[in-house]
């Protein structure tokens, strides 16, 4: 039996893949990411603010100074963005 071959050209992705890549890029632009590892913090994870920089709980030991603020990442309820709220002392 002869091997199956693709008839579409690989030089240009199909329209669906192009639209998917564009939409994923747009969603990633609005996410909060860790300044050190570029990972998106998970729901229920604590993140630490150092001025304008956000550092995840995994990368916190890499910083010597105390954070300006520590917040808990909450799941989105009515919005698409992750809600960040101050941590209770």
PDB file of N, CA and C in Angstrom:
ATOM      1  N   UNK A   1       0.845  -1.170   0.000  1.00  0.00           N
ATOM      2  CA  UNK A   1       0.000   0.000   0.000  1.00  0.00           C
ATOM      3  C   UNK A   1       0.894   1.239   0.000  1.00  0.00           C
ATOM      4  N   UNK A   2       0.660   2.205  -0.883  1.00  0.00           N
ATOM      5  CA  UNK A   2       1.505   3.396  -0.953  1.00  0.00           C
ATOM      6  C   UNK A   2       1.257   4.303   0.252  1.00  0.00           C
ATOM      7  N   UNK A   3       2.274   5.045   0.712  1.00  0.00           N
ATOM      8  CA  UNK A   3       2.102   5.949   1.853  1.00  0.00           C
ATOM      9  C   UNK A   3       1.192   7.123   1.491  1.00  0.00           C
ATOM     10  N   UNK A   4       0.477   7.618   2.492  1.00  0.00           N
ATOM     11  CA  UNK A   4      -0.393   8.766   2.285  1.00  0.00           C
ATOM     12  C   UNK A   4       0.438  10.030   2.210  1.00  0.00           C
ATOM     13  N   UNK A   5       0.107  10.911   1.323  1.00  0.00           N
ATOM     14  CA  UNK A   5       0.821  12.189   1.191  1.00  0.00           C
ATOM     15  C   UNK A   5      -0.172  13.327   1.315  1.00  0.00           C
ATOM     16  N   UNK A   6       0.309  14.451   1.782  1.00  0.00           N
ATOM     17  CA  UNK A   6      -0.525  15.641   1.909  1.00  0.00           C
ATOM     18  C   UNK A   6      -0.528  16.381   0.585  1.00  0.00           C
ATOM     19  N   UNK A   7      -1.692  16.838   0.180  1.00  0.00           N
ATOM     20  CA  UNK A   7      -1.795  17.571  -1.080  1.00  0.00           C
ATOM     21  C   UNK A   7      -1.652  19.069  -0.864  1.00  0.00           C
ATOM     22  N   UNK A   8      -1.808  19.554   0.379  1.00  0.00           N
ATOM     23  CA  UNK A   8      -1.671  20.984   0.652  1.00  0.00           C
ATOM     24  C   UNK A   8      -0.197  21.368   0.728  1.00  0.00           C
ATOM     25  N   UNK A   9       0.071  22.571   0.337  1.00  0.00           N
ATOM     26  CA  UNK A   9       1.432  23.090   0.404  1.00  0.00           C
ATOM     27  C   UNK A   9       1.777  23.424   1.854  1.00  0.00           C
ATOM     28  N   UNK A  10       2.957  23.087   2.298  1.00  0.00           N
ATOM     29  CA  UNK A  10       3.385  23.374   3.666  1.00  0.00           C
ATOM     30  C   UNK A  10       3.981  24.768   3.798  1.00  0.00           C
ATOM     31  N   UNK A  11       4.122  25.495   2.709  1.00  0.00           N
ATOM     32  CA  UNK A  11       4.716  26.822   2.787  1.00  0.00           C
ATOM     33  C   UNK A  11       3.758  27.840   3.410  1.00  0.00           C
ATOM     34  N   UNK A  12       2.466  27.579   3.381  1.00  0.00           N
ATOM     35  CA  UNK A  12       1.482  28.497   3.934  1.00  0.00           C
ATOM     36  C   UNK A  12       0.466  27.705   4.752  1.00  0.00           C
ATOM     37  N   UNK A  13       0.282  28.068   6.053  1.00  0.00           N
ATOM     38  CA  UNK A  13      -0.665  27.312   6.880  1.00  0.00           C
ATOM     39  C   UNK A  13      -2.104  27.579   6.449  1.00  0.00           C
ATOM     40  N   UNK A  14      -2.979  26.640   6.723  1.00  0.00           N
ATOM     41  CA  UNK A  14      -4.388  26.847   6.396  1.00  0.00           C
ATOM     42  C   UNK A  14      -4.970  28.033   7.165  1.00  0.00           C
ATOM     43  N   UNK A  15      -6.052  28.556   6.683  1.00  0.00           N
ATOM     44  CA  UNK A  15      -6.697  29.729   7.278  1.00  0.00           C
ATOM     45  C   UNK A  15      -7.051  29.491   8.751  1.00  0.00           C
ATOM     46  N   UNK A  16      -7.519  28.306   9.080  1.00  0.00           N
ATOM     47  CA  UNK A  16      -7.918  28.021  10.461  1.00  0.00           C
ATOM     48  C   UNK A  16      -6.736  28.110  11.416  1.00  0.00           C
ATOM     49  N   UNK A  17      -5.596  27.602  11.005  1.00  0.00           N
ATOM     50  CA  UNK A  17      -4.413  27.648  11.858  1.00  0.00           C
ATOM     51  C   UNK A  17      -3.941  29.088  12.022  1.00  0.00           C
ATOM     52  N   UNK A  18      -4.000  29.874  10.970  1.00  0.00           N
ATOM     53  CA  UNK A  18      -3.613  31.278  11.054  1.00  0.00           C
ATOM     54  C   UNK A  18      -4.498  32.041  12.025  1.00  0.00           C
ATOM     55  N   UNK A  19      -5.795  31.809  11.964  1.00  0.00           N
ATOM     56  CA  UNK A  19      -6.723  32.475  12.884  1.00  0.00           C
ATOM     57  C   UNK A  19      -6.496  32.028  14.325  1.00  0.00           C
ATOM     58  N   UNK A  20      -6.224  30.748  14.528  1.00  0.00           N
ATOM     59  CA  UNK A  20      -5.959  30.236  15.866  1.00  0.00           C
ATOM     60  C   UNK A  20      -4.705  30.875  16.452  1.00  0.00           C
ATOM     61  N   UNK A  21      -3.649  30.948  15.676  1.00  0.00           N
ATOM     62  CA  UNK A  21      -2.407  31.566  16.153  1.00  0.00           C
ATOM     63  C   UNK A  21      -2.615  33.028  16.508  1.00  0.00           C
ATOM     64  N   UNK A  22      -3.380  33.725  15.707  1.00  0.00           N
ATOM     65  CA  UNK A  22      -3.648  35.138  15.963  1.00  0.00           C
ATOM     66  C   UNK A  22      -4.440  35.323  17.250  1.00  0.00           C
ATOM     67  N   UNK A  23      -5.457  34.482  17.479  1.00  0.00           N
ATOM     68  CA  UNK A  23      -6.281  34.615  18.675  1.00  0.00           C
ATOM     69  C   UNK A  23      -5.508  34.229  19.938  1.00  0.00           C
ATOM     70  N   UNK A  24      -4.659  33.215  19.865  1.00  0.00           N
ATOM     71  CA  UNK A  24      -3.842  32.830  21.020  1.00  0.00           C
ATOM     72  C   UNK A  24      -2.865  33.947  21.369  1.00  0.00           C
ATOM     73  N   UNK A  25      -2.301  34.573  20.379  1.00  0.00           N
ATOM     74  CA  UNK A  25      -1.400  35.698  20.622  1.00  0.00           C
ATOM     75  C   UNK A  25      -2.105  36.866  21.270  1.00  0.00           C
ATOM     76  N   UNK A  26      -3.341  37.135  20.873  1.00  0.00           N
ATOM     77  CA  UNK A  26      -4.114  38.223  21.467  1.00  0.00           C
ATOM     78  C   UNK A  26      -4.463  37.913  22.920  1.00  0.00           C
ATOM     79  N   UNK A  27      -4.796  36.672  23.228  1.00  0.00           N
ATOM     80  CA  UNK A  27      -5.096  36.293  24.611  1.00  0.00           C
ATOM     81  C   UNK A  27      -3.859  36.372  25.497  1.00  0.00           C
ATOM     82  N   UNK A  28      -2.730  35.955  24.978  1.00  0.00           N
ATOM     83  CA  UNK A  28      -1.490  35.968  25.757  1.00  0.00           C
ATOM     84  C   UNK A  28      -1.046  37.384  26.079  1.00  0.00           C
ATOM     85  N   UNK A  29      -1.401  38.349  25.257  1.00  0.00           N
ATOM     86  CA  UNK A  29      -0.989  39.732  25.500  1.00  0.00           C
ATOM     87  C   UNK A  29      -1.651  40.309  26.742  1.00  0.00           C
ATOM     88  N   UNK A  30      -2.831  39.818  27.125  1.00  0.00           N
ATOM     89  CA  UNK A  30      -3.561  40.338  28.274  1.00  0.00           C
ATOM     90  C   UNK A  30      -3.290  39.579  29.566  1.00  0.00           C
ATOM     91  N   UNK A  31      -2.482  38.551  29.553  1.00  0.00           N
ATOM     92  CA  UNK A  31      -2.237  37.742  30.744  1.00  0.00           C
ATOM     93  C   UNK A  31      -1.134  38.327  31.605  1.00  0.00           C
ATOM     94  N   UNK A  32      -1.247  38.018  32.899  1.00  0.00           N
ATOM     95  CA  UNK A  32      -0.178  38.351  33.834  1.00  0.00           C
ATOM     96  C   UNK A  32       0.839  37.220  33.779  1.00  0.00           C
ATOM     97  N   UNK A  33       2.113  37.549  33.648  1.00  0.00           N
ATOM     98  CA  UNK A  33       3.153  36.524  33.610  1.00  0.00           C
ATOM     99  C   UNK A  33       4.250  36.875  34.604  1.00  0.00           C
ATOM    100  N   UNK A  34       4.956  35.865  35.076  1.00  0.00           N
ATOM    101  CA  UNK A  34       6.071  36.044  35.999  1.00  0.00           C
ATOM    102  C   UNK A  34       7.224  36.729  35.278  1.00  0.00           C
ATOM    103  N   UNK A  35       7.855  37.669  35.953  1.00  0.00           N
ATOM    104  CA  UNK A  35       8.966  38.407  35.359  1.00  0.00           C
ATOM    105  C   UNK A  35      10.185  37.504  35.151  1.00  0.00           C
ATOM    106  N   UNK A  36      10.376  36.505  36.005  1.00  0.00           N
ATOM    107  CA  UNK A  36      11.542  35.623  35.898  1.00  0.00           C
ATOM    108  C   UNK A  36      11.343  34.501  34.890  1.00  0.00           C
ATOM    109  N   UNK A  37      10.273  33.718  35.043  1.00  0.00           N
ATOM    110  CA  UNK A  37      10.112  32.506  34.235  1.00  0.00           C
ATOM    111  C   UNK A  37       9.088  32.645  33.105  1.00  0.00           C
ATOM    112  N   UNK A  38       8.365  33.764  33.058  1.00  0.00           N
ATOM    113  CA  UNK A  38       7.356  34.027  32.018  1.00  0.00           C
ATOM    114  C   UNK A  38       6.177  33.062  32.067  1.00  0.00           C
ATOM    115  N   UNK A  39       6.001  32.401  33.215  1.00  0.00           N
ATOM    116  CA  UNK A  39       4.900  31.460  33.394  1.00  0.00           C
ATOM    117  C   UNK A  39       3.665  32.214  33.857  1.00  0.00           C
ATOM    118  N   UNK A  40       2.483  31.804  33.398  1.00  0.00           N
ATOM    119  CA  UNK A  40       1.226  32.383  33.863  1.00  0.00           C
ATOM    120  C   UNK A  40       0.874  31.756  35.205  1.00  0.00           C
ATOM    121  N   UNK A  41       0.688  32.572  36.259  1.00  0.00           N
ATOM    122  CA  UNK A  41       0.353  32.014  37.574  1.00  0.00           C
ATOM    123  C   UNK A  41      -0.983  31.272  37.545  1.00  0.00           C
ATOM    124  N   UNK A  42      -1.067  30.206  38.311  1.00  0.00           N
ATOM    125  CA  UNK A  42      -2.272  29.380  38.380  1.00  0.00           C
ATOM    126  C   UNK A  42      -3.268  29.954  39.380  1.00  0.00           C
ATOM    127  N   UNK A  43      -4.527  29.608  39.227  1.00  0.00           N
ATOM    128  CA  UNK A  43      -5.562  30.005  40.175  1.00  0.00           C
ATOM    129  C   UNK A  43      -5.235  29.388  41.527  1.00  0.00           C
ATOM    130  N   UNK A  44      -5.294  30.204  42.584  1.00  0.00           N
ATOM    131  CA  UNK A  44      -4.980  29.740  43.923  1.00  0.00           C
ATOM    132  C   UNK A  44      -3.521  29.936  44.312  1.00  0.00           C
ATOM    133  N   UNK A  45      -2.704  30.385  43.400  1.00  0.00           N
ATOM    134  CA  UNK A  45      -1.279  30.607  43.660  1.00  0.00           C
ATOM    135  C   UNK A  45      -1.058  32.045  44.115  1.00  0.00           C
ATOM    136  N   UNK A  46      -0.103  32.244  45.011  1.00  0.00           N
ATOM    137  CA  UNK A  46       0.256  33.591  45.436  1.00  0.00           C
ATOM    138  C   UNK A  46       1.293  34.161  44.478  1.00  0.00           C
ATOM    139  N   UNK A  47       1.127  35.429  44.145  1.00  0.00           N
ATOM    140  CA  UNK A  47       2.102  36.149  43.336  1.00  0.00           C
ATOM    141  C   UNK A  47       2.557  37.366  44.122  1.00  0.00           C
ATOM    142  N   UNK A  48       3.755  37.827  43.830  1.00  0.00           N
ATOM    143  CA  UNK A  48       4.376  38.907  44.584  1.00  0.00           C
ATOM    144  C   UNK A  48       4.696  40.056  43.644  1.00  0.00           C
ATOM    145  N   UNK A  49       4.379  41.279  44.091  1.00  0.00           N
ATOM    146  CA  UNK A  49       4.647  42.475  43.295  1.00  0.00           C
ATOM    147  C   UNK A  49       5.907  43.159  43.808  1.00  0.00           C
ATOM    148  N   UNK A  50       6.807  43.420  42.891  1.00  0.00           N
ATOM    149  CA  UNK A  50       8.009  44.206  43.161  1.00  0.00           C
ATOM    150  C   UNK A  50       7.939  45.414  42.242  1.00  0.00           C
ATOM    151  N   UNK A  51       7.278  46.464  42.713  1.00  0.00           N
ATOM    152  CA  UNK A  51       7.039  47.613  41.856  1.00  0.00           C
ATOM    153  C   UNK A  51       6.067  47.208  40.755  1.00  0.00           C
ATOM    154  N   UNK A  52       6.476  47.351  39.514  1.00  0.00           N
ATOM    155  CA  UNK A  52       5.642  46.961  38.372  1.00  0.00           C
ATOM    156  C   UNK A  52       5.844  45.493  37.988  1.00  0.00           C
ATOM    157  N   UNK A  53       6.814  44.830  38.572  1.00  0.00           N
ATOM    158  CA  UNK A  53       7.140  43.445  38.208  1.00  0.00           C
ATOM    159  C   UNK A  53       6.357  42.458  39.060  1.00  0.00           C
ATOM    160  N   UNK A  54       5.839  41.436  38.397  1.00  0.00           N
ATOM    161  CA  UNK A  54       5.090  40.370  39.053  1.00  0.00           C
ATOM    162  C   UNK A  54       5.985  39.137  39.099  1.00  0.00           C
ATOM    163  N   UNK A  55       6.108  38.520  40.271  1.00  0.00           N
ATOM    164  CA  UNK A  55       6.940  37.327  40.442  1.00  0.00           C
ATOM    165  C   UNK A  55       6.074  36.222  41.020  1.00  0.00           C
ATOM    166  N   UNK A  56       6.119  35.035  40.414  1.00  0.00           N
ATOM    167  CA  UNK A  56       5.314  33.907  40.901  1.00  0.00           C
ATOM    168  C   UNK A  56       5.901  33.361  42.202  1.00  0.00           C
ATOM    169  N   UNK A  57       5.138  32.511  42.856  1.00  0.00           N
ATOM    170  CA  UNK A  57       5.566  31.944  44.134  1.00  0.00           C
ATOM    171  C   UNK A  57       6.789  31.033  43.967  1.00  0.00           C
ATOM    172  N   UNK A  58       6.936  30.408  42.804  1.00  0.00           N
ATOM    173  CA  UNK A  58       8.089  29.537  42.569  1.00  0.00           C
ATOM    174  C   UNK A  58       9.385  30.325  42.424  1.00  0.00           C
ATOM    175  N   UNK A  59       9.301  31.531  41.877  1.00  0.00           N
ATOM    176  CA  UNK A  59      10.495  32.358  41.654  1.00  0.00           C
ATOM    177  C   UNK A  59      10.764  33.329  42.801  1.00  0.00           C
ATOM    178  N   UNK A  60       9.892  33.382  43.786  1.00  0.00           N
ATOM    179  CA  UNK A  60      10.063  34.293  44.921  1.00  0.00           C
ATOM    180  C   UNK A  60      11.401  34.108  45.628  1.00  0.00           C
ATOM    181  N   UNK A  61      11.916  32.886  45.839  1.00  0.00           N
ATOM    182  CA  UNK A  61      13.212  32.730  46.517  1.00  0.00           C
ATOM    183  C   UNK A  61      14.389  33.340  45.747  1.00  0.00           C
ATOM    184  N   UNK A  62      14.223  33.672  44.483  1.00  0.00           N
ATOM    185  CA  UNK A  62      15.302  34.286  43.711  1.00  0.00           C
ATOM    186  C   UNK A  62      15.513  35.753  44.068  1.00  0.00           C
ATOM    187  N   UNK A  63      14.568  36.361  44.778  1.00  0.00           N
ATOM    188  CA  UNK A  63      14.654  37.769  45.154  1.00  0.00           C
ATOM    189  C   UNK A  63      15.003  37.883  46.629  1.00  0.00           C
ATOM    190  N   UNK A  64      15.907  38.766  46.972  1.00  0.00           N
ATOM    191  CA  UNK A  64      16.321  38.932  48.379  1.00  0.00           C
ATOM    192  C   UNK A  64      15.404  39.873  49.142  1.00  0.00           C
ATOM    193  N   UNK A  65      14.955  40.943  48.492  1.00  0.00           N
ATOM    194  CA  UNK A  65      14.138  41.946  49.178  1.00  0.00           C
ATOM    195  C   UNK A  65      12.696  41.459  49.328  1.00  0.00           C
ATOM    196  N   UNK A  66      11.988  41.949  50.347  1.00  0.00           N
ATOM    197  CA  UNK A  66      10.591  41.541  50.523  1.00  0.00           C
ATOM    198  C   UNK A  66       9.718  42.180  49.442  1.00  0.00           C
ATOM    199  N   UNK A  67       8.638  41.503  49.063  1.00  0.00           N
ATOM    200  CA  UNK A  67       7.757  42.073  48.036  1.00  0.00           C
ATOM    201  C   UNK A  67       6.969  43.259  48.571  1.00  0.00           C
ATOM    202  N   UNK A  68       6.577  44.136  47.668  1.00  0.00           N
ATOM    203  CA  UNK A  68       5.743  45.266  48.052  1.00  0.00           C
ATOM    204  C   UNK A  68       4.327  44.824  48.375  1.00  0.00           C
ATOM    205  N   UNK A  69       3.864  43.791  47.686  1.00  0.00           N
ATOM    206  CA  UNK A  69       2.514  43.277  47.893  1.00  0.00           C
ATOM    207  C   UNK A  69       2.474  41.814  47.479  1.00  0.00           C
ATOM    208  N   UNK A  70       1.700  41.016  48.192  1.00  0.00           N
ATOM    209  CA  UNK A  70       1.476  39.613  47.848  1.00  0.00           C
ATOM    210  C   UNK A  70      -0.018  39.418  47.660  1.00  0.00           C
ATOM    211  N   UNK A  71      -0.391  38.828  46.528  1.00  0.00           N
ATOM    212  CA  UNK A  71      -1.810  38.657  46.228  1.00  0.00           C
ATOM    213  C   UNK A  71      -2.088  37.225  45.796  1.00  0.00           C
ATOM    214  N   UNK A  72      -3.333  36.822  45.975  1.00  0.00           N
ATOM    215  CA  UNK A  72      -3.795  35.497  45.586  1.00  0.00           C
ATOM    216  C   UNK A  72      -4.480  35.605  44.231  1.00  0.00           C
ATOM    217  N   UNK A  73      -4.159  34.701  43.320  1.00  0.00           N
ATOM    218  CA  UNK A  73      -4.781  34.691  42.000  1.00  0.00           C
ATOM    219  C   UNK A  73      -6.124  33.980  42.115  1.00  0.00           C
ATOM    220  N   UNK A  74      -7.191  34.671  41.701  1.00  0.00           N
ATOM    221  CA  UNK A  74      -8.539  34.115  41.725  1.00  0.00           C
ATOM    222  C   UNK A  74      -8.972  33.768  40.307  1.00  0.00           C
ATOM    223  N   UNK A  75      -9.913  32.851  40.197  1.00  0.00           N
ATOM    224  CA  UNK A  75     -10.424  32.478  38.877  1.00  0.00           C
ATOM    225  C   UNK A  75     -11.338  33.576  38.349  1.00  0.00           C
ATOM    226  N   UNK A  76     -11.439  33.673  37.052  1.00  0.00           N
ATOM    227  CA  UNK A  76     -12.340  34.685  36.491  1.00  0.00           C
ATOM    228  C   UNK A  76     -13.801  34.304  36.744  1.00  0.00           C
ATOM    229  N   UNK A  77     -14.610  35.278  37.100  1.00  0.00           N
ATOM    230  CA  UNK A  77     -16.021  35.009  37.338  1.00  0.00           C
ATOM    231  C   UNK A  77     -16.864  35.507  36.159  1.00  0.00           C
ATOM    232  N   UNK A  78     -16.713  36.745  35.825  1.00  0.00           N
ATOM    233  CA  UNK A  78     -17.478  37.309  34.723  1.00  0.00           C
ATOM    234  C   UNK A  78     -16.574  37.927  33.665  1.00  0.00           C
ATOM    235  N   UNK A  79     -15.296  37.991  33.944  1.00  0.00           N
ATOM    236  CA  UNK A  79     -14.350  38.593  33.023  1.00  0.00           C
ATOM    237  C   UNK A  79     -13.394  37.523  32.524  1.00  0.00           C
ATOM    238  N   UNK A  80     -12.633  37.847  31.511  1.00  0.00           N
ATOM    239  CA  UNK A  80     -11.652  36.894  30.991  1.00  0.00           C
ATOM    240  C   UNK A  80     -10.288  37.061  31.639  1.00  0.00           C
ATOM    241  N   UNK A  81     -10.085  38.125  32.381  1.00  0.00           N
ATOM    242  CA  UNK A  81      -8.800  38.378  33.017  1.00  0.00           C
ATOM    243  C   UNK A  81      -8.741  37.702  34.383  1.00  0.00           C
ATOM    244  N   UNK A  82      -7.556  37.351  34.828  1.00  0.00           N
ATOM    245  CA  UNK A  82      -7.358  36.778  36.159  1.00  0.00           C
ATOM    246  C   UNK A  82      -7.446  37.905  37.167  1.00  0.00           C
ATOM    247  N   UNK A  83      -8.219  37.685  38.227  1.00  0.00           N
ATOM    248  CA  UNK A  83      -8.371  38.700  39.261  1.00  0.00           C
ATOM    249  C   UNK A  83      -7.285  38.522  40.306  1.00  0.00           C
ATOM    250  N   UNK A  84      -6.637  39.599  40.657  1.00  0.00           N
ATOM    251  CA  UNK A  84      -5.602  39.572  41.678  1.00  0.00           C
ATOM    252  C   UNK A  84      -6.107  40.384  42.861  1.00  0.00           C
ATOM    253  N   UNK A  85      -6.125  39.768  44.042  1.00  0.00           N
ATOM    254  CA  UNK A  85      -6.598  40.448  45.253  1.00  0.00           C
ATOM    255  C   UNK A  85      -5.518  40.392  46.316  1.00  0.00           C
ATOM    256  N   UNK A  86      -5.453  41.404  47.207  1.00  0.00           N
ATOM    257  CA  UNK A  86      -4.434  41.392  48.273  1.00  0.00           C
ATOM    258  C   UNK A  86      -4.592  40.202  49.191  1.00  0.00           C
ATOM    259  N   UNK A  87      -3.462  39.700  49.673  1.00  0.00           N
ATOM    260  CA  UNK A  87      -3.432  38.563  50.590  1.00  0.00           C
ATOM    261  C   UNK A  87      -3.791  39.037  51.994  1.00  0.00           C
ATOM    262  N   UNK A  88      -4.629  38.302  52.693  1.00  0.00           N
ATOM    263  CA  UNK A  88      -5.005  38.653  54.060  1.00  0.00           C
ATOM    264  C   UNK A  88      -3.844  38.373  54.999  1.00  0.00           C
ATOM    265  N   UNK A  89      -3.565  39.318  55.905  1.00  0.00           N
ATOM    266  CA  UNK A  89      -2.426  39.176  56.819  1.00  0.00           C
ATOM    267  C   UNK A  89      -2.763  38.313  58.007  1.00  0.00           C
TER     268      UNK A  89
END
